[in-house]
Amino acid sequence: MIIGKRKLKTAENELESTPELLLELLHQSYYDRLLYYAWTIIHDKETSRDLVQEAFICYWNQKEQVSANIVQIRNFLYVNVKNACLKHLRHDKVVDKYLGLQDPDPVEEASALNKMIQAEVLAEIYAAIAALPEGCRTISKMGYLEGLKNQEIADQLGISINTVKTQKKRALQLLRLKLSPESFLALTFLIQHFNRY
């Protein structure tokens, strides 16, 4: 679930009086993103869950040292998860006797940054699709996220193929307004990928 920036801003303003509320809102807003981010690095869902939970615990234990700014808290959580994932990978390498303890090489760092950006863009796309009107949302999820063809969507929903095309066109117009240019571009690449298969 993605919590709006306005709700997080309200929580940020109330940080001193209710830090538990802020932690709950941060968890609701960033848990799925951080879980996806961790999974893209270590490809182990259970370990990813543990590392994300540990990042929130670390934030809670160090909240006095971390700025109350939501962006800085988010960055703290991402850096914490990234470092925990890289540490986990290094540990696996030691256990498997591939490499000794080393700092992550620049390729791993760049890859981790790319995966963090990918997680944020996907979260923005999913949130924008979730905010669409019901008809557009259902058809967009089926077409753009699940990769179903127009005819398959029409058959499953019991509507005409022209209705599917109209709703998809309307959804793209609304998404173009809601998404940042970079996220909209990523969505178009996702659509092209599904159209090839």
N, C-alpha and C. Protein backbone atom coordinates (compact mmCIF):
# COMPACT_ATOMS: atom_id res chain seq x y z
N MET A 1 0.85 -1.18 0.00
CA MET A 1 0.00 0.00 0.00
C MET A 1 0.88 1.24 0.00
N ILE A 2 0.59 2.19 -0.82
CA ILE A 2 1.36 3.42 -0.91
C ILE A 2 0.58 4.52 -0.21
N ILE A 3 1.19 5.16 0.76
CA ILE A 3 0.56 6.26 1.47
C ILE A 3 0.96 7.55 0.76
N GLY A 4 0.01 8.44 0.60
CA GLY A 4 0.28 9.69 -0.11
C GLY A 4 1.28 10.56 0.60
N LYS A 5 1.95 11.42 -0.18
CA LYS A 5 2.94 12.32 0.38
C LYS A 5 2.32 13.26 1.40
N ARG A 6 1.05 13.67 1.17
CA ARG A 6 0.39 14.57 2.10
C ARG A 6 0.25 13.91 3.48
N LYS A 7 -0.12 12.64 3.50
CA LYS A 7 -0.30 11.93 4.77
C LYS A 7 1.05 11.77 5.47
N LEU A 8 2.11 11.47 4.69
CA LEU A 8 3.43 11.37 5.29
C LEU A 8 3.92 12.72 5.80
N LYS A 9 3.60 13.79 5.07
CA LYS A 9 3.98 15.14 5.51
C LYS A 9 3.30 15.46 6.84
N THR A 10 2.01 15.11 6.96
CA THR A 10 1.29 15.33 8.21
C THR A 10 1.96 14.56 9.32
N ALA A 11 2.33 13.30 9.04
CA ALA A 11 2.99 12.49 10.04
C ALA A 11 4.36 13.07 10.39
N GLU A 12 5.05 13.60 9.38
CA GLU A 12 6.35 14.21 9.62
C GLU A 12 6.22 15.38 10.58
N ASN A 13 5.16 16.18 10.41
CA ASN A 13 4.94 17.33 11.29
C ASN A 13 4.59 16.91 12.70
N GLU A 14 4.00 15.72 12.86
CA GLU A 14 3.62 15.23 14.18
C GLU A 14 4.67 14.30 14.77
N LEU A 15 5.87 14.24 14.20
CA LEU A 15 6.89 13.28 14.58
C LEU A 15 7.19 13.31 16.07
N GLU A 16 7.35 14.49 16.64
CA GLU A 16 7.76 14.57 18.03
C GLU A 16 6.68 14.05 18.95
N SER A 17 5.40 14.24 18.60
CA SER A 17 4.33 13.82 19.50
C SER A 17 3.94 12.36 19.29
N THR A 18 4.05 11.85 18.07
CA THR A 18 3.63 10.46 17.80
C THR A 18 4.60 9.77 16.85
N PRO A 19 5.79 9.40 17.31
CA PRO A 19 6.73 8.72 16.41
C PRO A 19 6.22 7.34 15.98
N GLU A 20 5.37 6.71 16.79
CA GLU A 20 4.83 5.40 16.41
C GLU A 20 3.95 5.52 15.17
N LEU A 21 3.17 6.63 15.08
CA LEU A 21 2.34 6.85 13.89
C LEU A 21 3.20 7.00 12.65
N LEU A 22 4.26 7.76 12.76
CA LEU A 22 5.15 7.94 11.61
C LEU A 22 5.76 6.61 11.20
N LEU A 23 6.20 5.81 12.17
CA LEU A 23 6.79 4.52 11.85
C LEU A 23 5.77 3.64 11.14
N GLU A 24 4.53 3.64 11.60
CA GLU A 24 3.49 2.84 10.97
C GLU A 24 3.24 3.30 9.54
N LEU A 25 3.16 4.60 9.32
CA LEU A 25 2.94 5.13 7.98
C LEU A 25 4.13 4.85 7.06
N LEU A 26 5.34 4.98 7.60
CA LEU A 26 6.53 4.66 6.81
C LEU A 26 6.52 3.19 6.41
N HIS A 27 6.17 2.33 7.36
CA HIS A 27 6.12 0.89 7.08
C HIS A 27 5.09 0.59 6.00
N GLN A 28 3.90 1.19 6.11
CA GLN A 28 2.86 0.97 5.11
C GLN A 28 3.29 1.49 3.74
N SER A 29 3.98 2.59 3.73
CA SER A 29 4.34 3.22 2.46
C SER A 29 5.55 2.58 1.80
N TYR A 30 6.55 2.19 2.56
CA TYR A 30 7.82 1.77 1.96
C TYR A 30 8.14 0.29 2.09
N TYR A 31 7.38 -0.48 2.87
CA TYR A 31 7.72 -1.89 3.06
C TYR A 31 7.77 -2.65 1.73
N ASP A 32 6.72 -2.54 0.92
CA ASP A 32 6.69 -3.30 -0.34
C ASP A 32 7.80 -2.87 -1.29
N ARG A 33 8.06 -1.57 -1.35
CA ARG A 33 9.13 -1.07 -2.22
C ARG A 33 10.48 -1.63 -1.78
N LEU A 34 10.72 -1.56 -0.46
CA LEU A 34 12.00 -2.03 0.06
C LEU A 34 12.13 -3.55 -0.10
N LEU A 35 11.02 -4.26 0.07
CA LEU A 35 11.04 -5.71 -0.11
C LEU A 35 11.39 -6.06 -1.56
N TYR A 36 10.79 -5.38 -2.51
CA TYR A 36 11.10 -5.61 -3.93
C TYR A 36 12.57 -5.27 -4.20
N TYR A 37 13.02 -4.14 -3.66
CA TYR A 37 14.39 -3.70 -3.85
C TYR A 37 15.37 -4.75 -3.32
N ALA A 38 15.14 -5.24 -2.11
CA ALA A 38 16.01 -6.25 -1.52
C ALA A 38 15.98 -7.53 -2.35
N TRP A 39 14.77 -7.92 -2.78
CA TRP A 39 14.65 -9.16 -3.56
C TRP A 39 15.42 -9.07 -4.87
N THR A 40 15.42 -7.87 -5.51
CA THR A 40 16.14 -7.74 -6.78
C THR A 40 17.65 -7.89 -6.58
N ILE A 41 18.11 -7.68 -5.37
CA ILE A 41 19.55 -7.81 -5.11
C ILE A 41 19.92 -9.23 -4.71
N ILE A 42 19.14 -9.83 -3.78
CA ILE A 42 19.56 -11.14 -3.25
C ILE A 42 18.70 -12.31 -3.73
N HIS A 43 17.56 -12.05 -4.35
CA HIS A 43 16.69 -13.09 -4.92
C HIS A 43 16.28 -14.15 -3.89
N ASP A 44 16.02 -13.71 -2.68
CA ASP A 44 15.55 -14.60 -1.61
C ASP A 44 14.49 -13.84 -0.83
N LYS A 45 13.22 -14.23 -1.01
CA LYS A 45 12.12 -13.47 -0.45
C LYS A 45 12.14 -13.45 1.08
N GLU A 46 12.39 -14.58 1.71
CA GLU A 46 12.39 -14.63 3.18
C GLU A 46 13.52 -13.77 3.76
N THR A 47 14.70 -13.90 3.20
CA THR A 47 15.83 -13.08 3.67
C THR A 47 15.55 -11.61 3.40
N SER A 48 14.93 -11.31 2.26
CA SER A 48 14.58 -9.92 1.95
C SER A 48 13.64 -9.36 3.01
N ARG A 49 12.64 -10.15 3.39
CA ARG A 49 11.72 -9.70 4.45
C ARG A 49 12.47 -9.40 5.74
N ASP A 50 13.37 -10.30 6.11
CA ASP A 50 14.14 -10.10 7.34
C ASP A 50 14.97 -8.82 7.28
N LEU A 51 15.63 -8.61 6.15
CA LEU A 51 16.50 -7.43 6.02
C LEU A 51 15.70 -6.14 6.03
N VAL A 52 14.51 -6.14 5.42
CA VAL A 52 13.67 -4.94 5.43
C VAL A 52 13.16 -4.67 6.84
N GLN A 53 12.74 -5.73 7.54
CA GLN A 53 12.30 -5.54 8.93
C GLN A 53 13.44 -4.99 9.78
N GLU A 54 14.64 -5.52 9.58
CA GLU A 54 15.79 -5.03 10.32
C GLU A 54 16.08 -3.55 10.02
N ALA A 55 15.82 -3.13 8.78
CA ALA A 55 16.03 -1.72 8.42
C ALA A 55 15.07 -0.83 9.21
N PHE A 56 13.81 -1.25 9.34
CA PHE A 56 12.85 -0.47 10.12
C PHE A 56 13.22 -0.46 11.61
N ILE A 57 13.71 -1.59 12.11
CA ILE A 57 14.15 -1.64 13.51
C ILE A 57 15.35 -0.72 13.71
N CYS A 58 16.27 -0.75 12.77
CA CYS A 58 17.45 0.12 12.84
C CYS A 58 17.03 1.59 12.83
N TYR A 59 16.07 1.93 11.95
CA TYR A 59 15.57 3.30 11.94
C TYR A 59 14.97 3.67 13.29
N TRP A 60 14.14 2.77 13.84
CA TRP A 60 13.49 3.05 15.12
C TRP A 60 14.52 3.27 16.22
N ASN A 61 15.57 2.46 16.24
CA ASN A 61 16.60 2.58 17.26
C ASN A 61 17.45 3.83 17.07
N GLN A 62 17.52 4.35 15.85
CA GLN A 62 18.36 5.51 15.57
C GLN A 62 17.55 6.73 15.16
N LYS A 63 16.25 6.74 15.44
CA LYS A 63 15.39 7.82 14.94
C LYS A 63 15.81 9.20 15.44
N GLU A 64 16.44 9.26 16.60
CA GLU A 64 16.89 10.56 17.09
C GLU A 64 18.06 11.11 16.27
N GLN A 65 18.85 10.21 15.68
CA GLN A 65 20.00 10.65 14.87
C GLN A 65 19.62 10.88 13.41
N VAL A 66 18.45 10.36 12.98
CA VAL A 66 18.02 10.52 11.60
C VAL A 66 17.11 11.74 11.51
N SER A 67 17.33 12.54 10.49
CA SER A 67 16.51 13.74 10.29
C SER A 67 15.04 13.35 10.21
N ALA A 68 14.15 14.28 10.59
CA ALA A 68 12.71 14.03 10.54
C ALA A 68 12.18 14.23 9.12
N ASN A 69 13.02 14.56 8.18
CA ASN A 69 12.61 14.77 6.80
C ASN A 69 12.30 13.41 6.16
N ILE A 70 11.12 13.29 5.56
CA ILE A 70 10.67 12.03 4.98
C ILE A 70 11.64 11.51 3.92
N VAL A 71 12.17 12.39 3.10
CA VAL A 71 13.11 11.97 2.04
C VAL A 71 14.37 11.38 2.67
N GLN A 72 14.86 12.00 3.73
CA GLN A 72 16.06 11.48 4.38
C GLN A 72 15.79 10.17 5.10
N ILE A 73 14.58 10.02 5.66
CA ILE A 73 14.21 8.75 6.29
C ILE A 73 14.16 7.66 5.23
N ARG A 74 13.51 7.97 4.08
CA ARG A 74 13.44 6.99 2.99
C ARG A 74 14.84 6.60 2.53
N ASN A 75 15.72 7.60 2.36
CA ASN A 75 17.09 7.31 1.94
C ASN A 75 17.80 6.44 2.97
N PHE A 76 17.59 6.74 4.26
CA PHE A 76 18.18 5.93 5.33
C PHE A 76 17.74 4.48 5.20
N LEU A 77 16.44 4.25 4.96
CA LEU A 77 15.91 2.89 4.83
C LEU A 77 16.51 2.19 3.61
N TYR A 78 16.56 2.87 2.47
CA TYR A 78 17.12 2.26 1.25
C TYR A 78 18.61 1.92 1.44
N VAL A 79 19.37 2.84 2.00
CA VAL A 79 20.80 2.59 2.20
C VAL A 79 20.99 1.43 3.17
N ASN A 80 20.18 1.40 4.23
CA ASN A 80 20.27 0.32 5.21
C ASN A 80 19.98 -1.03 4.55
N VAL A 81 18.92 -1.10 3.75
CA VAL A 81 18.57 -2.35 3.06
C VAL A 81 19.67 -2.73 2.07
N LYS A 82 20.14 -1.75 1.30
CA LYS A 82 21.20 -2.04 0.32
C LYS A 82 22.44 -2.60 1.01
N ASN A 83 22.87 -1.94 2.08
CA ASN A 83 24.06 -2.40 2.78
C ASN A 83 23.86 -3.78 3.39
N ALA A 84 22.66 -4.03 3.93
CA ALA A 84 22.37 -5.35 4.50
C ALA A 84 22.38 -6.42 3.41
N CYS A 85 21.83 -6.09 2.24
CA CYS A 85 21.83 -7.05 1.12
C CYS A 85 23.25 -7.35 0.65
N LEU A 86 24.03 -6.30 0.49
CA LEU A 86 25.41 -6.50 0.04
C LEU A 86 26.20 -7.29 1.07
N LYS A 87 25.96 -7.03 2.35
CA LYS A 87 26.62 -7.79 3.42
C LYS A 87 26.20 -9.25 3.35
N HIS A 88 24.93 -9.48 3.12
CA HIS A 88 24.42 -10.85 2.99
C HIS A 88 25.07 -11.57 1.81
N LEU A 89 25.18 -10.87 0.68
CA LEU A 89 25.82 -11.47 -0.50
C LEU A 89 27.30 -11.79 -0.22
N ARG A 90 27.98 -10.87 0.44
CA ARG A 90 29.39 -11.11 0.77
C ARG A 90 29.51 -12.31 1.71
N HIS A 91 28.59 -12.40 2.66
CA HIS A 91 28.62 -13.54 3.58
C HIS A 91 28.40 -14.85 2.83
N ASP A 92 27.45 -14.85 1.89
CA ASP A 92 27.21 -16.05 1.09
C ASP A 92 28.45 -16.44 0.29
N LYS A 93 29.16 -15.44 -0.20
CA LYS A 93 30.37 -15.73 -0.97
C LYS A 93 31.43 -16.37 -0.08
N VAL A 94 31.53 -15.89 1.15
CA VAL A 94 32.50 -16.47 2.08
C VAL A 94 32.11 -17.90 2.40
N VAL A 95 30.83 -18.11 2.70
CA VAL A 95 30.36 -19.45 3.03
C VAL A 95 30.61 -20.39 1.86
N ASP A 96 30.37 -19.93 0.66
CA ASP A 96 30.56 -20.75 -0.54
C ASP A 96 32.02 -20.77 -0.98
N LYS A 97 32.87 -20.12 -0.30
CA LYS A 97 34.31 -20.06 -0.59
C LYS A 97 34.61 -19.52 -1.98
N TYR A 98 33.78 -18.56 -2.43
CA TYR A 98 34.07 -17.92 -3.71
C TYR A 98 35.05 -16.76 -3.53
N LEU A 99 34.71 -15.89 -2.60
CA LEU A 99 35.55 -14.72 -2.36
C LEU A 99 35.65 -14.47 -0.87
N GLY A 100 36.72 -13.82 -0.46
CA GLY A 100 36.85 -13.40 0.93
C GLY A 100 36.04 -12.14 1.17
N LEU A 101 36.07 -11.65 2.38
CA LEU A 101 35.36 -10.40 2.67
C LEU A 101 35.99 -9.26 1.90
N GLN A 102 35.18 -8.62 1.07
CA GLN A 102 35.63 -7.50 0.26
C GLN A 102 34.53 -6.46 0.24
N ASP A 103 34.93 -5.26 -0.07
CA ASP A 103 33.93 -4.23 -0.30
C ASP A 103 33.25 -4.55 -1.62
N PRO A 104 31.97 -4.17 -1.75
CA PRO A 104 31.32 -4.43 -3.03
C PRO A 104 32.03 -3.66 -4.14
N ASP A 105 32.17 -4.31 -5.28
CA ASP A 105 32.84 -3.63 -6.39
C ASP A 105 31.89 -2.59 -6.99
N PRO A 106 32.42 -1.68 -7.80
CA PRO A 106 31.58 -0.62 -8.37
C PRO A 106 30.41 -1.14 -9.20
N VAL A 107 30.56 -2.32 -9.82
CA VAL A 107 29.47 -2.87 -10.61
C VAL A 107 28.30 -3.22 -9.71
N GLU A 108 28.58 -3.81 -8.52
CA GLU A 108 27.51 -4.14 -7.57
C GLU A 108 26.83 -2.87 -7.08
N GLU A 109 27.59 -1.82 -6.80
CA GLU A 109 27.02 -0.55 -6.34
C GLU A 109 26.09 0.04 -7.40
N ALA A 110 26.54 0.06 -8.65
CA ALA A 110 25.71 0.62 -9.73
C ALA A 110 24.46 -0.22 -9.93
N SER A 111 24.61 -1.52 -9.86
CA SER A 111 23.47 -2.40 -10.01
C SER A 111 22.46 -2.17 -8.88
N ALA A 112 22.94 -2.00 -7.67
CA ALA A 112 22.05 -1.74 -6.53
C ALA A 112 21.30 -0.43 -6.73
N LEU A 113 21.97 0.60 -7.21
CA LEU A 113 21.32 1.88 -7.45
C LEU A 113 20.26 1.74 -8.54
N ASN A 114 20.58 1.04 -9.61
CA ASN A 114 19.60 0.82 -10.69
C ASN A 114 18.37 0.09 -10.18
N LYS A 115 18.57 -0.89 -9.33
CA LYS A 115 17.44 -1.65 -8.79
C LYS A 115 16.60 -0.80 -7.85
N MET A 116 17.22 0.10 -7.10
CA MET A 116 16.48 1.01 -6.23
C MET A 116 15.60 1.94 -7.08
N ILE A 117 16.15 2.46 -8.15
CA ILE A 117 15.39 3.33 -9.04
C ILE A 117 14.24 2.55 -9.67
N GLN A 118 14.51 1.33 -10.08
CA GLN A 118 13.47 0.48 -10.68
C GLN A 118 12.33 0.25 -9.68
N ALA A 119 12.66 0.00 -8.42
CA ALA A 119 11.63 -0.23 -7.40
C ALA A 119 10.77 1.01 -7.22
N GLU A 120 11.38 2.18 -7.21
CA GLU A 120 10.64 3.43 -7.04
C GLU A 120 9.73 3.71 -8.24
N VAL A 121 10.25 3.48 -9.43
CA VAL A 121 9.46 3.71 -10.65
C VAL A 121 8.26 2.76 -10.69
N LEU A 122 8.51 1.49 -10.40
CA LEU A 122 7.40 0.52 -10.39
C LEU A 122 6.36 0.88 -9.33
N ALA A 123 6.81 1.34 -8.17
CA ALA A 123 5.87 1.75 -7.12
C ALA A 123 5.02 2.92 -7.60
N GLU A 124 5.64 3.87 -8.30
CA GLU A 124 4.90 5.01 -8.82
C GLU A 124 3.88 4.57 -9.87
N ILE A 125 4.27 3.64 -10.73
CA ILE A 125 3.35 3.14 -11.77
C ILE A 125 2.18 2.41 -11.12
N TYR A 126 2.45 1.54 -10.17
CA TYR A 126 1.38 0.80 -9.50
C TYR A 126 0.45 1.75 -8.76
N ALA A 127 0.99 2.76 -8.10
CA ALA A 127 0.15 3.72 -7.37
C ALA A 127 -0.72 4.53 -8.34
N ALA A 128 -0.15 4.92 -9.47
CA ALA A 128 -0.93 5.69 -10.45
C ALA A 128 -2.04 4.84 -11.05
N ILE A 129 -1.75 3.58 -11.34
CA ILE A 129 -2.78 2.69 -11.87
C ILE A 129 -3.87 2.45 -10.83
N ALA A 130 -3.48 2.31 -9.58
CA ALA A 130 -4.46 2.10 -8.51
C ALA A 130 -5.38 3.31 -8.34
N ALA A 131 -4.92 4.49 -8.73
CA ALA A 131 -5.71 5.71 -8.58
C ALA A 131 -6.63 5.96 -9.78
N LEU A 132 -6.56 5.13 -10.81
CA LEU A 132 -7.42 5.31 -11.98
C LEU A 132 -8.87 4.96 -11.65
N PRO A 133 -9.82 5.47 -12.44
CA PRO A 133 -11.22 5.05 -12.26
C PRO A 133 -11.33 3.53 -12.45
N GLU A 134 -12.34 2.93 -11.84
CA GLU A 134 -12.48 1.47 -11.78
C GLU A 134 -12.28 0.76 -13.12
N GLY A 135 -13.01 1.17 -14.16
CA GLY A 135 -12.90 0.50 -15.45
C GLY A 135 -11.51 0.58 -16.03
N CYS A 136 -10.93 1.76 -16.00
CA CYS A 136 -9.56 1.94 -16.52
C CYS A 136 -8.57 1.13 -15.69
N ARG A 137 -8.76 1.14 -14.37
CA ARG A 137 -7.82 0.45 -13.48
C ARG A 137 -7.81 -1.05 -13.76
N THR A 138 -8.98 -1.66 -13.84
CA THR A 138 -9.07 -3.10 -14.06
C THR A 138 -8.44 -3.49 -15.40
N ILE A 139 -8.80 -2.78 -16.43
CA ILE A 139 -8.29 -3.10 -17.76
C ILE A 139 -6.79 -2.80 -17.85
N SER A 140 -6.33 -1.73 -17.21
CA SER A 140 -4.90 -1.40 -17.22
C SER A 140 -4.08 -2.47 -16.50
N LYS A 141 -4.56 -2.93 -15.36
CA LYS A 141 -3.84 -3.98 -14.65
C LYS A 141 -3.74 -5.24 -15.50
N MET A 142 -4.86 -5.61 -16.11
CA MET A 142 -4.87 -6.83 -16.92
C MET A 142 -3.97 -6.68 -18.16
N GLY A 143 -4.02 -5.52 -18.79
CA GLY A 143 -3.27 -5.33 -20.03
C GLY A 143 -1.82 -4.96 -19.81
N TYR A 144 -1.56 -4.00 -18.92
CA TYR A 144 -0.20 -3.48 -18.77
C TYR A 144 0.63 -4.23 -17.74
N LEU A 145 0.00 -4.75 -16.71
CA LEU A 145 0.77 -5.42 -15.67
C LEU A 145 0.75 -6.94 -15.81
N GLU A 146 -0.37 -7.49 -16.27
CA GLU A 146 -0.46 -8.94 -16.42
C GLU A 146 -0.14 -9.38 -17.85
N GLY A 147 -0.12 -8.44 -18.81
CA GLY A 147 0.28 -8.74 -20.17
C GLY A 147 -0.79 -9.42 -21.02
N LEU A 148 -2.05 -9.31 -20.62
CA LEU A 148 -3.12 -9.93 -21.41
C LEU A 148 -3.39 -9.13 -22.68
N LYS A 149 -3.77 -9.83 -23.74
CA LYS A 149 -4.14 -9.19 -25.00
C LYS A 149 -5.54 -8.59 -24.86
N ASN A 150 -5.87 -7.65 -25.75
CA ASN A 150 -7.17 -6.98 -25.70
C ASN A 150 -8.32 -7.98 -25.77
N GLN A 151 -8.21 -8.95 -26.66
CA GLN A 151 -9.28 -9.94 -26.81
C GLN A 151 -9.44 -10.77 -25.53
N GLU A 152 -8.33 -11.13 -24.90
CA GLU A 152 -8.40 -11.89 -23.65
C GLU A 152 -9.09 -11.09 -22.55
N ILE A 153 -8.78 -9.80 -22.47
CA ILE A 153 -9.42 -8.94 -21.48
C ILE A 153 -10.91 -8.86 -21.75
N ALA A 154 -11.26 -8.63 -23.02
CA ALA A 154 -12.68 -8.53 -23.39
C ALA A 154 -13.42 -9.81 -23.03
N ASP A 155 -12.82 -10.96 -23.31
CA ASP A 155 -13.46 -12.24 -23.02
C ASP A 155 -13.64 -12.44 -21.51
N GLN A 156 -12.61 -12.12 -20.74
CA GLN A 156 -12.69 -12.31 -19.29
C GLN A 156 -13.71 -11.38 -18.64
N LEU A 157 -13.81 -10.15 -19.14
CA LEU A 157 -14.71 -9.17 -18.53
C LEU A 157 -16.10 -9.17 -19.18
N GLY A 158 -16.24 -9.87 -20.29
CA GLY A 158 -17.52 -9.91 -20.97
C GLY A 158 -17.91 -8.58 -21.59
N ILE A 159 -16.91 -7.88 -22.16
CA ILE A 159 -17.15 -6.59 -22.80
C ILE A 159 -16.58 -6.65 -24.21
N SER A 160 -16.90 -5.63 -25.01
CA SER A 160 -16.40 -5.63 -26.39
C SER A 160 -14.92 -5.22 -26.41
N ILE A 161 -14.25 -5.64 -27.46
CA ILE A 161 -12.84 -5.30 -27.61
C ILE A 161 -12.66 -3.80 -27.79
N ASN A 162 -13.64 -3.13 -28.40
CA ASN A 162 -13.56 -1.67 -28.56
C ASN A 162 -13.62 -0.97 -27.21
N THR A 163 -14.39 -1.50 -26.27
CA THR A 163 -14.44 -0.93 -24.92
C THR A 163 -13.08 -1.07 -24.25
N VAL A 164 -12.44 -2.21 -24.44
CA VAL A 164 -11.11 -2.43 -23.88
C VAL A 164 -10.13 -1.41 -24.45
N LYS A 165 -10.15 -1.25 -25.77
CA LYS A 165 -9.23 -0.29 -26.41
C LYS A 165 -9.49 1.13 -25.93
N THR A 166 -10.76 1.51 -25.81
CA THR A 166 -11.10 2.86 -25.35
C THR A 166 -10.62 3.08 -23.92
N GLN A 167 -10.85 2.09 -23.05
CA GLN A 167 -10.44 2.23 -21.65
C GLN A 167 -8.91 2.28 -21.52
N LYS A 168 -8.22 1.51 -22.32
CA LYS A 168 -6.75 1.54 -22.28
C LYS A 168 -6.23 2.90 -22.76
N LYS A 169 -6.85 3.43 -23.80
CA LYS A 169 -6.44 4.74 -24.31
C LYS A 169 -6.70 5.81 -23.26
N ARG A 170 -7.86 5.75 -22.62
CA ARG A 170 -8.21 6.71 -21.56
C ARG A 170 -7.23 6.59 -20.39
N ALA A 171 -6.90 5.35 -20.04
CA ALA A 171 -5.97 5.11 -18.93
C ALA A 171 -4.60 5.71 -19.24
N LEU A 172 -4.11 5.52 -20.47
CA LEU A 172 -2.81 6.09 -20.84
C LEU A 172 -2.82 7.61 -20.76
N GLN A 173 -3.93 8.22 -21.17
CA GLN A 173 -4.02 9.68 -21.08
C GLN A 173 -3.96 10.13 -19.63
N LEU A 174 -4.66 9.44 -18.75
CA LEU A 174 -4.64 9.79 -17.32
C LEU A 174 -3.28 9.50 -16.69
N LEU A 175 -2.67 8.39 -17.07
CA LEU A 175 -1.37 8.04 -16.52
C LEU A 175 -0.29 9.03 -16.96
N ARG A 176 -0.42 9.53 -18.19
CA ARG A 176 0.55 10.52 -18.68
C ARG A 176 0.52 11.77 -17.78
N LEU A 177 -0.66 12.11 -17.28
CA LEU A 177 -0.80 13.27 -16.40
C LEU A 177 -0.31 12.97 -14.98
N LYS A 178 -0.50 11.74 -14.52
CA LYS A 178 -0.17 11.39 -13.14
C LYS A 178 1.30 11.03 -12.94
N LEU A 179 1.93 10.43 -13.93
CA LEU A 179 3.29 9.92 -13.77
C LEU A 179 4.33 10.95 -14.17
N SER A 180 5.50 10.83 -13.58
CA SER A 180 6.63 11.65 -14.02
C SER A 180 7.01 11.18 -15.43
N PRO A 181 7.66 12.03 -16.21
CA PRO A 181 8.03 11.61 -17.58
C PRO A 181 8.86 10.32 -17.59
N GLU A 182 9.76 10.16 -16.61
CA GLU A 182 10.60 8.97 -16.57
C GLU A 182 9.76 7.72 -16.30
N SER A 183 8.81 7.85 -15.37
CA SER A 183 7.96 6.69 -15.04
C SER A 183 7.04 6.35 -16.20
N PHE A 184 6.52 7.36 -16.88
CA PHE A 184 5.66 7.10 -18.02
C PHE A 184 6.45 6.39 -19.12
N LEU A 185 7.69 6.80 -19.32
CA LEU A 185 8.55 6.14 -20.30
C LEU A 185 8.77 4.68 -19.91
N ALA A 186 9.00 4.42 -18.63
CA ALA A 186 9.16 3.04 -18.17
C ALA A 186 7.89 2.24 -18.42
N LEU A 187 6.73 2.86 -18.20
CA LEU A 187 5.47 2.18 -18.47
C LEU A 187 5.33 1.84 -19.95
N THR A 188 5.73 2.75 -20.82
CA THR A 188 5.63 2.47 -22.26
C THR A 188 6.56 1.32 -22.65
N PHE A 189 7.74 1.24 -22.03
CA PHE A 189 8.63 0.10 -22.30
C PHE A 189 7.99 -1.20 -21.82
N LEU A 190 7.33 -1.14 -20.66
CA LEU A 190 6.64 -2.32 -20.13
C LEU A 190 5.53 -2.76 -21.08
N ILE A 191 4.79 -1.80 -21.61
CA ILE A 191 3.71 -2.10 -22.55
C ILE A 191 4.28 -2.72 -23.83
N GLN A 192 5.36 -2.15 -24.34
CA GLN A 192 5.98 -2.69 -25.56
C GLN A 192 6.49 -4.10 -25.34
N HIS A 193 7.01 -4.35 -24.14
CA HIS A 193 7.50 -5.69 -23.81
C HIS A 193 6.37 -6.70 -23.88
N PHE A 194 5.22 -6.36 -23.30
CA PHE A 194 4.09 -7.28 -23.30
C PHE A 194 3.50 -7.42 -24.70
N ASN A 195 3.55 -6.37 -25.50
CA ASN A 195 2.99 -6.44 -26.86
C ASN A 195 3.81 -7.36 -27.77
N ARG A 196 5.08 -7.59 -27.43
CA ARG A 196 5.93 -8.46 -28.24
C ARG A 196 5.58 -9.93 -28.04
N TYR A 197 5.03 -10.26 -26.87
CA TYR A 197 4.82 -11.67 -26.54
C TYR A 197 3.38 -12.06 -26.55
